[in-house]
């Protein structure tokens, strides 16, 4: 989904998704692969004499507990960590989970200073709002990842308090092993079901082409996003692009400048003052510390009256299983 100046919610057709690499990491992680844990019992390890390796079982049991604790903390405790609008603020780079691997990313966004009036009657007000979304991903093939955003929630907004806003289904088709190629490309499709205070329309969708260059240590990525609420034909598609320029210090740390825009419908862009434009400074970490989490954080500044003046984001993610799982 994408940001546009005509909604305070940040769901597909109304607010630009301000968004975001080793194939073992979900598309959102630009660096080395994440340490992984399994959520299901692993096969017992047998010694040469056929005895069961109880030490190995004990270790795997501990890893299962750690994974369960991680998910519980992400889904329950994260609202206490920071105060958010938009269900995700990320530039996609075409990376997907390897086949058979599940990944969980928790998106947290907070708008300490934003728009103080709803973008349409009954909409959530952006100012001081907090939003948290669980994004589940599964690698189906080397070129296809299935995603589910659920729940999409606003733990706090000034006019509604705590709300559940809807859910999204995502299909991401990408060039396999995008991190290995200088030029990479992908396309993402999202289908959203929204409550009326999150979007003015119940059903909305996004089409997100993804193109980029890996010019080590620099990355250049562009997402020319179009959103639709299925009214007004092709001319009413909303153009809400996002871009990212990143510098990778190594395979764990990077900094980036990002921009998220909402120009309005393709048949006629809105006047500049009514367009949405935000610039962001972000930092990324991927490694074995912090419970094996990959972390992206950033601060965004609005350039127009139709933008939120200040927005913060925090994204936490990791793979959930060691051994690939496939439906029988």
Foldseek 3Di string as FASTA:
>chain_A
DAAKLLFLAQDFQHGYAQAEAPLQDAQRAHFDAFDEAAQDQDDFDADPVRDTDVVVNVVNVVSNVLLVVVVCCLVPVVVVPDFAHHAHRHFYAQRHHAAQWKKKKKKKKFFCFFAQDGSDPLAFGRHGWIWIWIKMWHHHHLFKIKIKIPFTWTCQTPPPHTDGWWMKIKIKGWDGRQNVDQKIKIKMKMWIATDCRNDVARIKMKIWIKIWGPPVQKIKIKTQMWIDSPPDPQQQTWTKMKIKIKGDPHRFKIKIKMKIWTQGGNVDGDPPQSIWIKIKIKMWGADPPPSRKTKMKIWIATDHPSYRGIMIMIMIMHIHRDDRDDDD
